[in-house]
Amino acid sequence: MLKRILLLCVALGGAAGGSQAPEFTQQYLQRLGGWVDSYQDRVTRLDARAKQFNMTREDYIAALKASTDPKVRSEAANIASWPVYLKRYTEMQQILQNGPVWMQPVRLAQGYSDPAFKPIVMATWKEYKFGTQFTTSGAMFAGAGFVLGWLATGVGLGIAMAPINIVRRRREKPKNLPNLVSHKIEPILASAEAEETDKA
């Protein structure tokens, strides 16, 4: 009984957490859009600065990296990362916006370990507001969370209880031996009595 209650509680917790996946993705997508706008502004200003010197973006960054001032070279390395981050954030934004709804949380989870996206995920989680609206995608993830929670708990309990079950079976086995022996002896005695009766 206790096992069933624990399974149900964990499964319901998984369902509640799973139902929030689409809402978290939407809030993450909004924050990602802010980062895209920010880096787009930086790259635009970078291109404008390079144009003032009749240089391309790449040539302007290369000139900064060639400076004898270590501070300028350090800033050049930072500036050079702007177009790279803008490209990656824009690509992720398009993937989330154009892909199927059920794949959005999966794509988000895949990019979590990436240093470029982890700060956005953490910032989203820090200010995350739980959604209360019922949606089809939310129901789908709630069902998946319920099933995964139930299975994970069942497997975990099975592994945790395995040693106890083994000890219990070993303790119960000797108790059954007399019964097994008696069952074997009774037919023998019965047959012996039947033979004596026939002889008489």
N, C-alpha and C. Protein backbone atom coordinates (compact mmCIF):
# COMPACT_ATOMS: atom_id res chain seq x y z
N MET A 1 0.83 -1.21 0.00
CA MET A 1 0.00 0.00 0.00
C MET A 1 0.86 1.26 0.00
N LEU A 2 1.90 1.23 0.87
CA LEU A 2 2.80 2.38 0.96
C LEU A 2 3.53 2.60 -0.36
N LYS A 3 3.88 1.49 -1.01
CA LYS A 3 4.57 1.58 -2.29
C LYS A 3 3.69 2.25 -3.33
N ARG A 4 2.40 1.88 -3.36
CA ARG A 4 1.49 2.47 -4.34
C ARG A 4 1.30 3.96 -4.09
N ILE A 5 1.22 4.34 -2.82
CA ILE A 5 1.06 5.77 -2.48
C ILE A 5 2.28 6.55 -2.94
N LEU A 6 3.48 5.99 -2.69
CA LEU A 6 4.71 6.66 -3.10
C LEU A 6 4.79 6.78 -4.61
N LEU A 7 4.42 5.70 -5.31
CA LEU A 7 4.42 5.74 -6.78
C LEU A 7 3.48 6.82 -7.30
N LEU A 8 2.30 6.90 -6.70
CA LEU A 8 1.31 7.88 -7.14
C LEU A 8 1.79 9.31 -6.88
N CYS A 9 2.38 9.54 -5.71
CA CYS A 9 2.86 10.89 -5.37
C CYS A 9 3.96 11.35 -6.32
N VAL A 10 4.91 10.46 -6.58
CA VAL A 10 6.01 10.82 -7.49
C VAL A 10 5.49 11.02 -8.91
N ALA A 11 4.57 10.16 -9.32
CA ALA A 11 4.01 10.28 -10.67
C ALA A 11 3.25 11.59 -10.83
N LEU A 12 2.49 11.97 -9.82
CA LEU A 12 1.77 13.24 -9.87
C LEU A 12 2.73 14.42 -9.88
N GLY A 13 3.82 14.29 -9.12
CA GLY A 13 4.84 15.34 -9.15
C GLY A 13 5.48 15.46 -10.52
N GLY A 14 5.72 14.30 -11.15
CA GLY A 14 6.26 14.32 -12.51
C GLY A 14 5.30 14.93 -13.49
N ALA A 15 4.00 14.65 -13.30
CA ALA A 15 3.00 15.23 -14.18
C ALA A 15 2.95 16.75 -14.03
N ALA A 16 3.01 17.22 -12.77
CA ALA A 16 2.99 18.67 -12.54
C ALA A 16 4.21 19.35 -13.14
N GLY A 17 5.38 18.71 -12.98
CA GLY A 17 6.59 19.29 -13.56
C GLY A 17 6.58 19.24 -15.07
N GLY A 18 6.12 18.11 -15.62
CA GLY A 18 6.07 17.99 -17.07
C GLY A 18 5.13 18.98 -17.71
N SER A 19 4.03 19.29 -17.03
CA SER A 19 3.06 20.22 -17.60
C SER A 19 3.61 21.63 -17.74
N GLN A 20 4.70 21.93 -17.00
CA GLN A 20 5.29 23.26 -17.05
C GLN A 20 6.33 23.41 -18.15
N ALA A 21 6.70 22.30 -18.80
CA ALA A 21 7.75 22.35 -19.82
C ALA A 21 7.42 23.32 -20.95
N PRO A 22 6.22 23.29 -21.54
CA PRO A 22 5.92 24.26 -22.62
C PRO A 22 5.94 25.70 -22.14
N GLU A 23 5.44 25.95 -20.92
CA GLU A 23 5.42 27.31 -20.40
C GLU A 23 6.84 27.82 -20.15
N PHE A 24 7.69 26.96 -19.60
CA PHE A 24 9.09 27.34 -19.38
C PHE A 24 9.78 27.64 -20.70
N THR A 25 9.47 26.84 -21.72
CA THR A 25 10.07 27.05 -23.03
C THR A 25 9.66 28.40 -23.61
N GLN A 26 8.40 28.77 -23.43
CA GLN A 26 7.93 30.05 -23.95
C GLN A 26 8.62 31.21 -23.25
N GLN A 27 8.77 31.12 -21.95
CA GLN A 27 9.46 32.19 -21.22
C GLN A 27 10.94 32.23 -21.58
N TYR A 28 11.52 31.07 -21.81
CA TYR A 28 12.91 31.01 -22.27
C TYR A 28 13.04 31.64 -23.65
N LEU A 29 12.08 31.36 -24.52
CA LEU A 29 12.11 31.90 -25.87
C LEU A 29 12.01 33.43 -25.85
N GLN A 30 11.21 33.97 -24.96
CA GLN A 30 11.10 35.42 -24.83
C GLN A 30 12.43 36.03 -24.38
N ARG A 31 13.06 35.37 -23.41
CA ARG A 31 14.35 35.87 -22.93
C ARG A 31 15.42 35.72 -24.01
N LEU A 32 15.38 34.62 -24.74
CA LEU A 32 16.33 34.42 -25.83
C LEU A 32 16.18 35.52 -26.87
N GLY A 33 14.93 35.91 -27.14
CA GLY A 33 14.70 37.00 -28.09
C GLY A 33 15.35 38.29 -27.64
N GLY A 34 15.36 38.54 -26.33
CA GLY A 34 16.03 39.72 -25.80
C GLY A 34 17.54 39.67 -26.04
N TRP A 35 18.11 38.48 -25.88
CA TRP A 35 19.55 38.33 -26.12
C TRP A 35 19.86 38.49 -27.61
N VAL A 36 19.00 38.00 -28.46
CA VAL A 36 19.20 38.17 -29.90
C VAL A 36 19.19 39.66 -30.25
N ASP A 37 18.23 40.40 -29.72
CA ASP A 37 18.15 41.84 -30.00
C ASP A 37 19.39 42.56 -29.48
N SER A 38 19.85 42.15 -28.30
CA SER A 38 21.03 42.79 -27.71
C SER A 38 22.27 42.59 -28.57
N TYR A 39 22.49 41.35 -29.01
CA TYR A 39 23.67 41.08 -29.82
C TYR A 39 23.53 41.64 -31.23
N GLN A 40 22.32 41.72 -31.73
CA GLN A 40 22.10 42.35 -33.04
C GLN A 40 22.49 43.82 -32.98
N ASP A 41 22.15 44.47 -31.87
CA ASP A 41 22.51 45.88 -31.69
C ASP A 41 24.03 46.04 -31.61
N ARG A 42 24.69 45.13 -30.91
CA ARG A 42 26.15 45.20 -30.79
C ARG A 42 26.82 45.04 -32.16
N VAL A 43 26.35 44.05 -32.92
CA VAL A 43 26.95 43.79 -34.23
C VAL A 43 26.68 44.96 -35.17
N THR A 44 25.51 45.56 -35.09
CA THR A 44 25.19 46.71 -35.93
C THR A 44 26.14 47.86 -35.63
N ARG A 45 26.38 48.11 -34.34
CA ARG A 45 27.30 49.18 -33.96
C ARG A 45 28.73 48.85 -34.35
N LEU A 46 29.08 47.56 -34.29
CA LEU A 46 30.41 47.13 -34.71
C LEU A 46 30.62 47.39 -36.20
N ASP A 47 29.63 47.04 -37.01
CA ASP A 47 29.74 47.26 -38.45
C ASP A 47 29.81 48.76 -38.78
N ALA A 48 29.05 49.55 -38.03
CA ALA A 48 29.08 51.00 -38.27
C ALA A 48 30.44 51.57 -37.92
N ARG A 49 31.03 51.06 -36.83
CA ARG A 49 32.37 51.52 -36.43
C ARG A 49 33.40 51.14 -37.48
N ALA A 50 33.34 49.94 -37.98
CA ALA A 50 34.29 49.50 -39.00
C ALA A 50 34.13 50.32 -40.28
N LYS A 51 32.89 50.68 -40.61
CA LYS A 51 32.62 51.46 -41.82
C LYS A 51 33.24 52.85 -41.73
N GLN A 52 33.34 53.39 -40.53
CA GLN A 52 33.94 54.72 -40.36
C GLN A 52 35.40 54.72 -40.81
N PHE A 53 36.05 53.58 -40.68
CA PHE A 53 37.45 53.46 -41.08
C PHE A 53 37.59 52.78 -42.45
N ASN A 54 36.47 52.70 -43.16
CA ASN A 54 36.47 52.06 -44.48
C ASN A 54 37.03 50.63 -44.41
N MET A 55 36.60 49.92 -43.39
CA MET A 55 37.07 48.55 -43.17
C MET A 55 35.88 47.62 -43.03
N THR A 56 36.13 46.35 -43.33
CA THR A 56 35.10 45.35 -43.05
C THR A 56 35.13 45.00 -41.56
N ARG A 57 34.11 44.30 -41.16
CA ARG A 57 34.05 43.90 -39.75
C ARG A 57 35.26 43.05 -39.37
N GLU A 58 35.61 42.10 -40.24
CA GLU A 58 36.73 41.21 -39.97
C GLU A 58 38.05 41.96 -39.91
N ASP A 59 38.24 42.92 -40.85
CA ASP A 59 39.49 43.69 -40.87
C ASP A 59 39.60 44.57 -39.63
N TYR A 60 38.49 45.13 -39.21
CA TYR A 60 38.49 46.00 -38.03
C TYR A 60 38.87 45.21 -36.77
N ILE A 61 38.29 44.01 -36.64
CA ILE A 61 38.61 43.17 -35.48
C ILE A 61 40.07 42.72 -35.53
N ALA A 62 40.55 42.38 -36.73
CA ALA A 62 41.95 41.96 -36.88
C ALA A 62 42.89 43.09 -36.50
N ALA A 63 42.54 44.33 -36.85
CA ALA A 63 43.37 45.47 -36.50
C ALA A 63 43.42 45.66 -34.98
N LEU A 64 42.31 45.45 -34.32
CA LEU A 64 42.29 45.57 -32.86
C LEU A 64 43.12 44.47 -32.20
N LYS A 65 43.07 43.27 -32.76
CA LYS A 65 43.85 42.17 -32.20
C LYS A 65 45.35 42.37 -32.39
N ALA A 66 45.71 43.14 -33.42
CA ALA A 66 47.12 43.39 -33.69
C ALA A 66 47.69 44.52 -32.85
N SER A 67 46.87 45.14 -32.02
CA SER A 67 47.31 46.25 -31.20
C SER A 67 48.36 45.80 -30.17
N THR A 68 49.25 46.72 -29.81
CA THR A 68 50.27 46.42 -28.80
C THR A 68 49.69 46.54 -27.39
N ASP A 69 48.53 47.15 -27.27
CA ASP A 69 47.90 47.32 -25.97
C ASP A 69 47.13 46.04 -25.61
N PRO A 70 47.49 45.37 -24.50
CA PRO A 70 46.80 44.12 -24.14
C PRO A 70 45.30 44.33 -23.87
N LYS A 71 44.94 45.51 -23.38
CA LYS A 71 43.53 45.78 -23.12
C LYS A 71 42.74 45.83 -24.42
N VAL A 72 43.35 46.40 -25.45
CA VAL A 72 42.69 46.48 -26.75
C VAL A 72 42.54 45.08 -27.35
N ARG A 73 43.59 44.27 -27.19
CA ARG A 73 43.51 42.90 -27.71
C ARG A 73 42.44 42.08 -26.98
N SER A 74 42.34 42.30 -25.67
CA SER A 74 41.32 41.61 -24.90
C SER A 74 39.91 42.03 -25.34
N GLU A 75 39.74 43.32 -25.59
CA GLU A 75 38.45 43.82 -26.05
C GLU A 75 38.15 43.31 -27.45
N ALA A 76 39.18 43.15 -28.26
CA ALA A 76 38.99 42.64 -29.62
C ALA A 76 38.47 41.21 -29.59
N ALA A 77 39.00 40.41 -28.64
CA ALA A 77 38.53 39.03 -28.51
C ALA A 77 37.06 39.00 -28.09
N ASN A 78 36.67 39.93 -27.24
CA ASN A 78 35.27 40.01 -26.81
C ASN A 78 34.37 40.43 -27.96
N ILE A 79 34.82 41.43 -28.71
CA ILE A 79 34.04 41.91 -29.85
C ILE A 79 33.88 40.84 -30.92
N ALA A 80 34.93 40.05 -31.12
CA ALA A 80 34.90 39.01 -32.14
C ALA A 80 33.85 37.94 -31.83
N SER A 81 33.48 37.81 -30.56
CA SER A 81 32.49 36.80 -30.18
C SER A 81 31.06 37.25 -30.45
N TRP A 82 30.85 38.54 -30.66
CA TRP A 82 29.49 39.05 -30.86
C TRP A 82 28.78 38.42 -32.06
N PRO A 83 29.40 38.45 -33.25
CA PRO A 83 28.72 37.83 -34.41
C PRO A 83 28.49 36.33 -34.23
N VAL A 84 29.42 35.67 -33.54
CA VAL A 84 29.29 34.22 -33.32
C VAL A 84 28.07 33.92 -32.45
N TYR A 85 27.96 34.66 -31.34
CA TYR A 85 26.81 34.45 -30.45
C TYR A 85 25.50 34.84 -31.12
N LEU A 86 25.53 35.91 -31.90
CA LEU A 86 24.33 36.34 -32.60
C LEU A 86 23.84 35.25 -33.54
N LYS A 87 24.74 34.63 -34.25
CA LYS A 87 24.39 33.55 -35.19
C LYS A 87 23.78 32.36 -34.44
N ARG A 88 24.40 31.97 -33.33
CA ARG A 88 23.93 30.80 -32.59
C ARG A 88 22.58 31.06 -31.93
N TYR A 89 22.42 32.25 -31.35
CA TYR A 89 21.16 32.58 -30.70
C TYR A 89 20.02 32.69 -31.72
N THR A 90 20.33 33.24 -32.87
CA THR A 90 19.32 33.37 -33.92
C THR A 90 18.89 32.01 -34.43
N GLU A 91 19.86 31.12 -34.60
CA GLU A 91 19.55 29.77 -35.06
C GLU A 91 18.67 29.04 -34.05
N MET A 92 19.00 29.14 -32.77
CA MET A 92 18.20 28.50 -31.74
C MET A 92 16.79 29.09 -31.69
N GLN A 93 16.70 30.39 -31.85
CA GLN A 93 15.40 31.06 -31.87
C GLN A 93 14.53 30.53 -33.01
N GLN A 94 15.12 30.38 -34.18
CA GLN A 94 14.37 29.88 -35.33
C GLN A 94 13.96 28.42 -35.14
N ILE A 95 14.83 27.62 -34.53
CA ILE A 95 14.51 26.22 -34.28
C ILE A 95 13.31 26.10 -33.34
N LEU A 96 13.31 26.89 -32.29
CA LEU A 96 12.22 26.84 -31.32
C LEU A 96 10.92 27.39 -31.88
N GLN A 97 11.02 28.42 -32.69
CA GLN A 97 9.82 29.06 -33.23
C GLN A 97 9.20 28.24 -34.36
N ASN A 98 10.02 27.61 -35.16
CA ASN A 98 9.51 26.91 -36.34
C ASN A 98 9.29 25.42 -36.12
N GLY A 99 9.89 24.86 -35.08
CA GLY A 99 9.75 23.43 -34.83
C GLY A 99 8.43 23.11 -34.16
N PRO A 100 8.05 21.82 -34.12
CA PRO A 100 6.82 21.40 -33.44
C PRO A 100 6.87 21.73 -31.96
N VAL A 101 5.72 22.00 -31.38
CA VAL A 101 5.66 22.42 -29.97
C VAL A 101 6.23 21.35 -29.05
N TRP A 102 5.94 20.10 -29.34
CA TRP A 102 6.40 19.04 -28.45
C TRP A 102 7.91 18.85 -28.46
N MET A 103 8.59 19.40 -29.52
CA MET A 103 10.04 19.28 -29.60
C MET A 103 10.76 20.46 -28.94
N GLN A 104 10.06 21.54 -28.66
CA GLN A 104 10.70 22.73 -28.10
C GLN A 104 11.41 22.46 -26.77
N PRO A 105 10.75 21.84 -25.78
CA PRO A 105 11.46 21.55 -24.53
C PRO A 105 12.65 20.62 -24.72
N VAL A 106 12.54 19.71 -25.70
CA VAL A 106 13.65 18.80 -25.96
C VAL A 106 14.85 19.56 -26.51
N ARG A 107 14.61 20.48 -27.45
CA ARG A 107 15.69 21.29 -28.00
C ARG A 107 16.33 22.15 -26.92
N LEU A 108 15.50 22.68 -26.06
CA LEU A 108 16.00 23.51 -24.97
C LEU A 108 16.90 22.70 -24.05
N ALA A 109 16.47 21.49 -23.71
CA ALA A 109 17.26 20.64 -22.83
C ALA A 109 18.59 20.25 -23.48
N GLN A 110 18.57 20.04 -24.78
CA GLN A 110 19.80 19.68 -25.48
C GLN A 110 20.84 20.79 -25.44
N GLY A 111 20.38 22.05 -25.40
CA GLY A 111 21.31 23.18 -25.38
C GLY A 111 21.68 23.64 -24.00
N TYR A 112 21.16 22.95 -22.95
CA TYR A 112 21.39 23.42 -21.59
C TYR A 112 22.86 23.38 -21.21
N SER A 113 23.57 22.33 -21.61
CA SER A 113 24.98 22.18 -21.23
C SER A 113 25.90 23.10 -22.01
N ASP A 114 25.39 23.75 -23.05
CA ASP A 114 26.20 24.66 -23.85
C ASP A 114 26.42 25.96 -23.08
N PRO A 115 27.69 26.38 -22.89
CA PRO A 115 27.97 27.61 -22.16
C PRO A 115 27.28 28.84 -22.74
N ALA A 116 26.97 28.80 -24.02
CA ALA A 116 26.32 29.95 -24.65
C ALA A 116 24.87 30.08 -24.22
N PHE A 117 24.22 28.95 -23.95
CA PHE A 117 22.79 28.96 -23.64
C PHE A 117 22.48 28.76 -22.16
N LYS A 118 23.41 28.18 -21.42
CA LYS A 118 23.15 27.90 -20.00
C LYS A 118 22.79 29.16 -19.21
N PRO A 119 23.48 30.31 -19.43
CA PRO A 119 23.09 31.52 -18.69
C PRO A 119 21.65 31.95 -18.95
N ILE A 120 21.17 31.74 -20.17
CA ILE A 120 19.78 32.11 -20.50
C ILE A 120 18.81 31.18 -19.77
N VAL A 121 19.13 29.89 -19.74
CA VAL A 121 18.28 28.93 -19.05
C VAL A 121 18.21 29.26 -17.56
N MET A 122 19.36 29.55 -16.95
CA MET A 122 19.40 29.86 -15.53
C MET A 122 18.66 31.15 -15.22
N ALA A 123 18.81 32.13 -16.09
CA ALA A 123 18.11 33.40 -15.89
C ALA A 123 16.60 33.21 -16.01
N THR A 124 16.18 32.36 -16.94
CA THR A 124 14.76 32.07 -17.11
C THR A 124 14.21 31.37 -15.88
N TRP A 125 14.97 30.40 -15.37
CA TRP A 125 14.52 29.66 -14.19
C TRP A 125 14.44 30.56 -12.96
N LYS A 126 15.38 31.48 -12.85
CA LYS A 126 15.41 32.37 -11.68
C LYS A 126 14.15 33.22 -11.59
N GLU A 127 13.63 33.63 -12.73
CA GLU A 127 12.45 34.49 -12.74
C GLU A 127 11.23 33.78 -13.34
N TYR A 128 11.27 32.47 -13.32
CA TYR A 128 10.17 31.70 -13.94
C TYR A 128 8.87 31.85 -13.14
N LYS A 129 7.79 32.03 -13.87
CA LYS A 129 6.45 32.10 -13.28
C LYS A 129 5.65 30.91 -13.79
N PHE A 130 5.17 30.11 -12.86
CA PHE A 130 4.46 28.89 -13.23
C PHE A 130 3.19 29.22 -14.00
N GLY A 131 2.98 28.47 -15.07
CA GLY A 131 1.79 28.67 -15.89
C GLY A 131 0.61 27.91 -15.32
N THR A 132 -0.56 28.45 -15.48
CA THR A 132 -1.78 27.82 -14.96
C THR A 132 -2.76 27.48 -16.08
N GLN A 133 -2.47 27.90 -17.30
CA GLN A 133 -3.39 27.64 -18.40
C GLN A 133 -3.24 26.20 -18.87
N PHE A 134 -4.39 25.59 -19.21
CA PHE A 134 -4.37 24.22 -19.72
C PHE A 134 -4.19 24.24 -21.22
N THR A 135 -3.17 23.54 -21.70
CA THR A 135 -2.91 23.46 -23.13
C THR A 135 -2.72 22.00 -23.51
N THR A 136 -2.85 21.72 -24.80
CA THR A 136 -2.66 20.36 -25.28
C THR A 136 -1.24 19.88 -25.04
N SER A 137 -0.27 20.75 -25.36
CA SER A 137 1.13 20.37 -25.15
C SER A 137 1.42 20.17 -23.68
N GLY A 138 0.81 21.03 -22.83
CA GLY A 138 1.01 20.87 -21.39
C GLY A 138 0.46 19.55 -20.90
N ALA A 139 -0.71 19.15 -21.41
CA ALA A 139 -1.30 17.87 -21.02
C ALA A 139 -0.43 16.71 -21.49
N MET A 140 0.14 16.86 -22.67
CA MET A 140 0.99 15.80 -23.21
C MET A 140 2.23 15.60 -22.34
N PHE A 141 2.87 16.70 -21.97
CA PHE A 141 4.06 16.60 -21.13
C PHE A 141 3.70 16.18 -19.71
N ALA A 142 2.50 16.54 -19.25
CA ALA A 142 2.05 16.09 -17.94
C ALA A 142 1.90 14.57 -17.93
N GLY A 143 1.31 14.03 -18.99
CA GLY A 143 1.17 12.58 -19.10
C GLY A 143 2.52 11.88 -19.16
N ALA A 144 3.43 12.46 -19.91
CA ALA A 144 4.77 11.87 -20.01
C ALA A 144 5.48 11.92 -18.65
N GLY A 145 5.31 13.04 -17.95
CA GLY A 145 5.92 13.17 -16.63
C GLY A 145 5.34 12.17 -15.64
N PHE A 146 4.02 11.93 -15.73
CA PHE A 146 3.37 10.97 -14.85
C PHE A 146 3.92 9.57 -15.08
N VAL A 147 4.01 9.17 -16.34
CA VAL A 147 4.49 7.83 -16.68
C VAL A 147 5.96 7.66 -16.28
N LEU A 148 6.78 8.65 -16.59
CA LEU A 148 8.20 8.56 -16.26
C LEU A 148 8.41 8.54 -14.74
N GLY A 149 7.63 9.37 -14.04
CA GLY A 149 7.73 9.37 -12.58
C GLY A 149 7.34 8.03 -11.99
N TRP A 150 6.28 7.44 -12.51
CA TRP A 150 5.81 6.13 -12.03
C TRP A 150 6.85 5.05 -12.29
N LEU A 151 7.38 5.03 -13.53
CA LEU A 151 8.35 4.00 -13.90
C LEU A 151 9.65 4.16 -13.12
N ALA A 152 10.12 5.41 -13.01
CA ALA A 152 11.39 5.65 -12.32
C ALA A 152 11.29 5.24 -10.85
N THR A 153 10.17 5.58 -10.23
CA THR A 153 9.99 5.21 -8.82
C THR A 153 9.87 3.71 -8.66
N GLY A 154 9.12 3.07 -9.57
CA GLY A 154 8.97 1.62 -9.50
C GLY A 154 10.30 0.90 -9.64
N VAL A 155 11.11 1.34 -10.60
CA VAL A 155 12.43 0.73 -10.80
C VAL A 155 13.32 0.99 -9.59
N GLY A 156 13.28 2.23 -9.09
CA GLY A 156 14.10 2.58 -7.92
C GLY A 156 13.74 1.77 -6.69
N LEU A 157 12.45 1.63 -6.45
CA LEU A 157 12.01 0.82 -5.31
C LEU A 157 12.36 -0.64 -5.49
N GLY A 158 12.24 -1.13 -6.74
CA GLY A 158 12.59 -2.52 -7.00
C GLY A 158 14.06 -2.80 -6.71
N ILE A 159 14.92 -1.87 -7.12
CA ILE A 159 16.36 -2.03 -6.87
C ILE A 159 16.66 -1.92 -5.38
N ALA A 160 16.02 -0.95 -4.72
CA ALA A 160 16.27 -0.73 -3.29
C ALA A 160 15.77 -1.89 -2.44
N MET A 161 14.65 -2.50 -2.86
CA MET A 161 14.05 -3.58 -2.07
C MET A 161 14.61 -4.95 -2.41
N ALA A 162 15.42 -5.04 -3.46
CA ALA A 162 15.94 -6.34 -3.90
C ALA A 162 16.69 -7.08 -2.79
N PRO A 163 17.65 -6.44 -2.09
CA PRO A 163 18.36 -7.15 -1.01
C PRO A 163 17.42 -7.63 0.09
N ILE A 164 16.43 -6.79 0.45
CA ILE A 164 15.49 -7.16 1.51
C ILE A 164 14.66 -8.36 1.08
N ASN A 165 14.23 -8.37 -0.17
CA ASN A 165 13.43 -9.49 -0.67
C ASN A 165 14.22 -10.79 -0.69
N ILE A 166 15.50 -10.68 -1.03
CA ILE A 166 16.35 -11.88 -1.06
C ILE A 166 16.49 -12.46 0.34
N VAL A 167 16.75 -11.60 1.33
CA VAL A 167 16.88 -12.06 2.72
C VAL A 167 15.57 -12.66 3.20
N ARG A 168 14.46 -12.02 2.85
CA ARG A 168 13.15 -12.51 3.27
C ARG A 168 12.86 -13.90 2.69
N ARG A 169 13.21 -14.10 1.44
CA ARG A 169 12.97 -15.39 0.81
C ARG A 169 13.82 -16.48 1.44
N ARG A 170 15.05 -16.13 1.79
CA ARG A 170 15.92 -17.11 2.42
C ARG A 170 15.41 -17.51 3.80
N ARG A 171 14.82 -16.54 4.50
CA ARG A 171 14.29 -16.84 5.82
C ARG A 171 13.01 -17.67 5.74
N GLU A 172 12.22 -17.44 4.70
CA GLU A 172 10.96 -18.15 4.56
C GLU A 172 11.14 -19.55 4.00
N LYS A 173 12.22 -19.80 3.29
CA LYS A 173 12.41 -21.08 2.63
C LYS A 173 12.46 -22.27 3.59
N PRO A 174 13.23 -22.21 4.72
CA PRO A 174 13.26 -23.35 5.64
C PRO A 174 11.89 -23.66 6.24
N LYS A 175 11.05 -22.64 6.44
CA LYS A 175 9.73 -22.85 7.03
C LYS A 175 8.86 -23.71 6.12
N ASN A 176 9.11 -23.68 4.87
CA ASN A 176 8.30 -24.44 3.94
C ASN A 176 8.76 -25.89 3.79
N LEU A 177 9.99 -26.18 4.23
CA LEU A 177 10.52 -27.52 4.05
C LEU A 177 9.71 -28.59 4.78
N PRO A 178 9.33 -28.40 6.06
CA PRO A 178 8.53 -29.43 6.73
C PRO A 178 7.24 -29.75 5.99
N ASN A 179 6.59 -28.71 5.48
CA ASN A 179 5.35 -28.93 4.74
C ASN A 179 5.59 -29.77 3.49
N LEU A 180 6.71 -29.42 2.81
CA LEU A 180 7.02 -30.17 1.61
C LEU A 180 7.32 -31.62 1.94
N VAL A 181 8.05 -31.86 3.05
CA VAL A 181 8.40 -33.21 3.47
C VAL A 181 7.15 -33.99 3.87
N SER A 182 6.27 -33.29 4.63
CA SER A 182 5.05 -33.96 5.08
C SER A 182 4.17 -34.36 3.91
N HIS A 183 4.13 -33.47 2.88
CA HIS A 183 3.33 -33.80 1.70
C HIS A 183 3.86 -35.04 1.00
N LYS A 184 5.19 -35.23 1.05
CA LYS A 184 5.78 -36.39 0.40
C LYS A 184 5.60 -37.65 1.24
N ILE A 185 5.58 -37.49 2.58
CA ILE A 185 5.49 -38.65 3.47
C ILE A 185 4.07 -39.20 3.50
N GLU A 186 3.07 -38.28 3.52
CA GLU A 186 1.68 -38.69 3.64
C GLU A 186 1.25 -39.66 2.55
N PRO A 187 1.56 -39.42 1.28
CA PRO A 187 1.17 -40.40 0.25
C PRO A 187 1.84 -41.74 0.45
N ILE A 188 3.09 -41.73 0.95
CA ILE A 188 3.81 -42.99 1.17
C ILE A 188 3.11 -43.78 2.27
N LEU A 189 2.76 -43.09 3.38
CA LEU A 189 2.08 -43.76 4.48
C LEU A 189 0.72 -44.28 4.03
N ALA A 190 0.03 -43.46 3.23
CA ALA A 190 -1.29 -43.86 2.75
C ALA A 190 -1.21 -45.11 1.89
N SER A 191 -0.19 -45.17 1.05
CA SER A 191 -0.04 -46.33 0.18
C SER A 191 0.34 -47.57 0.98
N ALA A 192 1.15 -47.35 2.05
CA ALA A 192 1.54 -48.49 2.89
C ALA A 192 0.34 -49.04 3.63
N GLU A 193 -0.51 -48.15 4.15
CA GLU A 193 -1.71 -48.59 4.84
C GLU A 193 -2.65 -49.33 3.89
N ALA A 194 -2.71 -48.84 2.67
CA ALA A 194 -3.59 -49.50 1.69
C ALA A 194 -3.10 -50.92 1.39
N GLU A 195 -1.79 -51.12 1.31
CA GLU A 195 -1.24 -52.44 1.05
C GLU A 195 -1.55 -53.41 2.18
N GLU A 196 -1.40 -52.90 3.44
CA GLU A 196 -1.69 -53.75 4.60
C GLU A 196 -3.17 -54.14 4.62
N THR A 197 -4.02 -53.19 4.23
CA THR A 197 -5.45 -53.47 4.22
C THR A 197 -5.77 -54.53 3.19
N ASP A 198 -5.12 -54.46 2.05
CA ASP A 198 -5.33 -55.46 0.99
C ASP A 198 -4.89 -56.82 1.43
N LYS A 199 -3.78 -56.86 2.13
CA LYS A 199 -3.27 -58.16 2.60
C LYS A 199 -4.20 -58.77 3.62
N ALA A 200 -4.72 -57.92 4.48
CA ALA A 200 -5.65 -58.43 5.50
C ALA A 200 -6.92 -58.96 4.83
